C-alpha atoms as a PDB file:
ATOM      1  CA  UNK A   1       0.000   0.000   0.000  1.00  0.00           C
ATOM      2  CA  UNK A   2       1.489   3.304  -1.100  1.00  0.00           C
ATOM      3  CA  UNK A   3       1.612   6.150   1.324  1.00  0.00           C
ATOM      4  CA  UNK A   4       1.134   9.701   0.265  1.00  0.00           C
ATOM      5  CA  UNK A   5       2.500  12.840   1.784  1.00  0.00           C
ATOM      6  CA  UNK A   6       2.230  16.528   1.238  1.00  0.00           C
ATOM      7  CA  UNK A   7       5.216  18.797   0.783  1.00  0.00           C
ATOM      8  CA  UNK A   8       4.863  22.549   1.066  1.00  0.00           C
ATOM      9  CA  UNK A   9       7.853  24.370  -0.404  1.00  0.00           C
ATOM     10  CA  UNK A  10       8.417  28.089  -0.040  1.00  0.00           C
ATOM     11  CA  UNK A  11      10.821  29.070  -2.809  1.00  0.00           C
ATOM     12  CA  UNK A  12      10.908  32.709  -1.708  1.00  0.00           C
ATOM     13  CA  UNK A  13      13.040  31.791   1.317  1.00  0.00           C
ATOM     14  CA  UNK A  14      15.474  29.873  -0.898  1.00  0.00           C
ATOM     15  CA  UNK A  15      15.672  32.791  -3.335  1.00  0.00           C
ATOM     16  CA  UNK A  16      16.300  35.210  -0.456  1.00  0.00           C
ATOM     17  CA  UNK A  17      19.082  33.048   0.973  1.00  0.00           C
ATOM     18  CA  UNK A  18      20.717  32.557  -2.435  1.00  0.00           C
ATOM     19  CA  UNK A  19      20.595  36.285  -3.169  1.00  0.00           C
ATOM     20  CA  UNK A  20      22.169  37.043   0.187  1.00  0.00           C
ATOM     21  CA  UNK A  21      24.850  34.414  -0.457  1.00  0.00           C
ATOM     22  CA  UNK A  22      25.550  35.870  -3.900  1.00  0.00           C
ATOM     23  CA  UNK A  23      25.965  39.315  -2.327  1.00  0.00           C
ATOM     24  CA  UNK A  24      28.403  37.892   0.265  1.00  0.00           C
ATOM     25  CA  UNK A  25      30.353  36.209  -2.520  1.00  0.00           C
ATOM     26  CA  UNK A  26      30.414  39.411  -4.547  1.00  0.00           C
ATOM     27  CA  UNK A  27      31.741  41.315  -1.539  1.00  0.00           C
ATOM     28  CA  UNK A  28      34.478  38.726  -1.013  1.00  0.00           C
ATOM     29  CA  UNK A  29      35.276  38.944  -4.722  1.00  0.00           C
ATOM     30  CA  UNK A  30      35.418  42.739  -4.641  1.00  0.00           C
ATOM     31  CA  UNK A  31      37.716  42.610  -1.608  1.00  0.00           C
ATOM     32  CA  UNK A  32      39.938  40.127  -3.444  1.00  0.00           C
ATOM     33  CA  UNK A  33      40.148  42.340  -6.544  1.00  0.00           C
ATOM     34  CA  UNK A  34      40.900  45.336  -4.322  1.00  0.00           C
ATOM     35  CA  UNK A  35      43.786  43.445  -2.710  1.00  0.00           C
ATOM     36  CA  UNK A  36      45.260  42.453  -6.061  1.00  0.00           C
ATOM     37  CA  UNK A  37      44.759  45.978  -7.391  1.00  0.00           C
ATOM     38  CA  UNK A  38      46.457  47.465  -4.331  1.00  0.00           C
ATOM     39  CA  UNK A  39      49.541  45.422  -5.209  1.00  0.00           C
ATOM     40  CA  UNK A  40      49.585  47.084  -8.654  1.00  0.00           C
ATOM     41  CA  UNK A  41      48.416  50.620  -7.888  1.00  0.00           C
ATOM     42  CA  UNK A  42      51.004  53.371  -8.551  1.00  0.00           C
ATOM     43  CA  UNK A  43      52.675  54.030  -5.228  1.00  0.00           C
ATOM     44  CA  UNK A  44      54.264  57.227  -4.002  1.00  0.00           C
ATOM     45  CA  UNK A  45      53.027  57.957  -0.493  1.00  0.00           C
ATOM     46  CA  UNK A  46      50.291  55.309  -0.441  1.00  0.00           C
ATOM     47  CA  UNK A  47      47.384  57.763  -0.511  1.00  0.00           C
ATOM     48  CA  UNK A  48      45.868  56.267  -3.656  1.00  0.00           C
ATOM     49  CA  UNK A  49      46.326  52.719  -2.356  1.00  0.00           C
ATOM     50  CA  UNK A  50      44.679  53.535   0.991  1.00  0.00           C
ATOM     51  CA  UNK A  51      41.701  55.209  -0.680  1.00  0.00           C
ATOM     52  CA  UNK A  52      40.503  51.942  -2.256  1.00  0.00           C
ATOM     53  CA  UNK A  53      37.215  50.440  -1.134  1.00  0.00           C
ATOM     54  CA  UNK A  54      35.080  47.439  -2.016  1.00  0.00           C
ATOM     55  CA  UNK A  55      31.308  47.417  -1.752  1.00  0.00           C
ATOM     56  CA  UNK A  56      28.205  45.603  -2.985  1.00  0.00           C
ATOM     57  CA  UNK A  57      24.751  46.817  -3.923  1.00  0.00           C
ATOM     58  CA  UNK A  58      22.681  43.849  -2.822  1.00  0.00           C
ATOM     59  CA  UNK A  59      19.557  45.068  -4.621  1.00  0.00           C
ATOM     60  CA  UNK A  60      21.237  44.887  -8.032  1.00  0.00           C
ATOM     61  CA  UNK A  61      23.882  42.288  -7.088  1.00  0.00           C
ATOM     62  CA  UNK A  62      26.621  44.620  -8.276  1.00  0.00           C
ATOM     63  CA  UNK A  63      30.114  44.515  -6.781  1.00  0.00           C
ATOM     64  CA  UNK A  64      32.236  47.654  -6.884  1.00  0.00           C
ATOM     65  CA  UNK A  65      35.864  48.543  -6.311  1.00  0.00           C
ATOM     66  CA  UNK A  66      36.817  52.198  -6.320  1.00  0.00           C
ATOM     67  CA  UNK A  67      39.617  54.574  -5.439  1.00  0.00           C
ATOM     68  CA  UNK A  68      38.793  57.983  -4.040  1.00  0.00           C
ATOM     69  CA  UNK A  69      41.490  60.511  -4.813  1.00  0.00           C
ATOM     70  CA  UNK A  70      41.351  63.443  -7.239  1.00  0.00           C
ATOM     71  CA  UNK A  71      43.982  61.762  -9.416  1.00  0.00           C
ATOM     72  CA  UNK A  72      42.806  58.126  -9.315  1.00  0.00           C
ATOM     73  CA  UNK A  73      41.270  58.127 -12.798  1.00  0.00           C
ATOM     74  CA  UNK A  74      44.285  59.842 -14.358  1.00  0.00           C
ATOM     75  CA  UNK A  75      46.710  57.393 -12.725  1.00  0.00           C
ATOM     76  CA  UNK A  76      44.574  54.518 -13.975  1.00  0.00           C
ATOM     77  CA  UNK A  77      44.194  55.741 -17.548  1.00  0.00           C
ATOM     78  CA  UNK A  78      47.500  57.486 -18.306  1.00  0.00           C
ATOM     79  CA  UNK A  79      49.614  54.890 -20.088  1.00  0.00           C
ATOM     80  CA  UNK A  80      52.653  57.183 -20.425  1.00  0.00           C
ATOM     81  CA  UNK A  81      53.291  57.640 -16.696  1.00  0.00           C
ATOM     82  CA  UNK A  82      56.328  55.825 -15.308  1.00  0.00           C
ATOM     83  CA  UNK A  83      55.754  53.555 -12.336  1.00  0.00           C
ATOM     84  CA  UNK A  84      57.873  51.566  -9.921  1.00  0.00           C
ATOM     85  CA  UNK A  85      58.392  47.878 -10.771  1.00  0.00           C
ATOM     86  CA  UNK A  86      55.162  45.919 -10.341  1.00  0.00           C
ATOM     87  CA  UNK A  87      53.063  49.095 -10.369  1.00  0.00           C
ATOM     88  CA  UNK A  88      51.079  50.008 -13.464  1.00  0.00           C
ATOM     89  CA  UNK A  89      48.410  52.026 -15.195  1.00  0.00           C
ATOM     90  CA  UNK A  90      45.146  50.099 -15.577  1.00  0.00           C
ATOM     91  CA  UNK A  91      45.816  48.626 -12.106  1.00  0.00           C
ATOM     92  CA  UNK A  92      42.121  48.053 -11.388  1.00  0.00           C
ATOM     93  CA  UNK A  93      41.058  46.926 -14.856  1.00  0.00           C
ATOM     94  CA  UNK A  94      43.967  44.483 -15.143  1.00  0.00           C
ATOM     95  CA  UNK A  95      43.296  43.096 -11.664  1.00  0.00           C
ATOM     96  CA  UNK A  96      39.623  42.493 -12.415  1.00  0.00           C
ATOM     97  CA  UNK A  97      40.403  40.792 -15.718  1.00  0.00           C
ATOM     98  CA  UNK A  98      43.111  38.605 -14.138  1.00  0.00           C
ATOM     99  CA  UNK A  99      40.962  37.595 -11.156  1.00  0.00           C
ATOM    100  CA  UNK A 100      37.608  37.074 -12.859  1.00  0.00           C
ATOM    101  CA  UNK A 101      37.662  33.293 -12.302  1.00  0.00           C
ATOM    102  CA  UNK A 102      38.512  33.742  -8.618  1.00  0.00           C
ATOM    103  CA  UNK A 103      35.593  36.144  -8.168  1.00  0.00           C
ATOM    104  CA  UNK A 104      33.208  33.685  -9.830  1.00  0.00           C
ATOM    105  CA  UNK A 105      34.526  30.881  -7.613  1.00  0.00           C
ATOM    106  CA  UNK A 106      33.984  32.986  -4.471  1.00  0.00           C
ATOM    107  CA  UNK A 107      30.388  33.730  -5.454  1.00  0.00           C
ATOM    108  CA  UNK A 108      29.752  30.073  -6.293  1.00  0.00           C
ATOM    109  CA  UNK A 109      31.253  28.905  -2.992  1.00  0.00           C
ATOM    110  CA  UNK A 110      28.991  31.218  -0.981  1.00  0.00           C
ATOM    111  CA  UNK A 111      25.934  30.047  -2.918  1.00  0.00           C
ATOM    112  CA  UNK A 112      26.870  26.379  -2.361  1.00  0.00           C
ATOM    113  CA  UNK A 113      27.207  27.070   1.371  1.00  0.00           C
ATOM    114  CA  UNK A 114      23.717  28.581   1.417  1.00  0.00           C
ATOM    115  CA  UNK A 115      22.269  25.415  -0.130  1.00  0.00           C
ATOM    116  CA  UNK A 116      23.597  23.127   2.579  1.00  0.00           C
END
């Protein structure tokens, strides 16, 4: 004789947890990119390096890394500036491109944790 059962499943809770996990992963990814970028940022007194921040807009699931000095954009874009060894223009763009797979892995790991 077969038994029957009823299963009530609330997907909204799962979606909420996965979104929160994705935001945590994005934040970890943004922090990682910031760290890599800080190792490449042009360095004189360290002001530019210390102005870097990582953040996440959970509503849009957008991770951000930014530098807040009046000259950050110029240092990033000016390809003719000379920099110390290991320091470079395009420090943020190059770091993001190089670490894309790591960021994806961090997001995926947080989402897997949420499903356990």
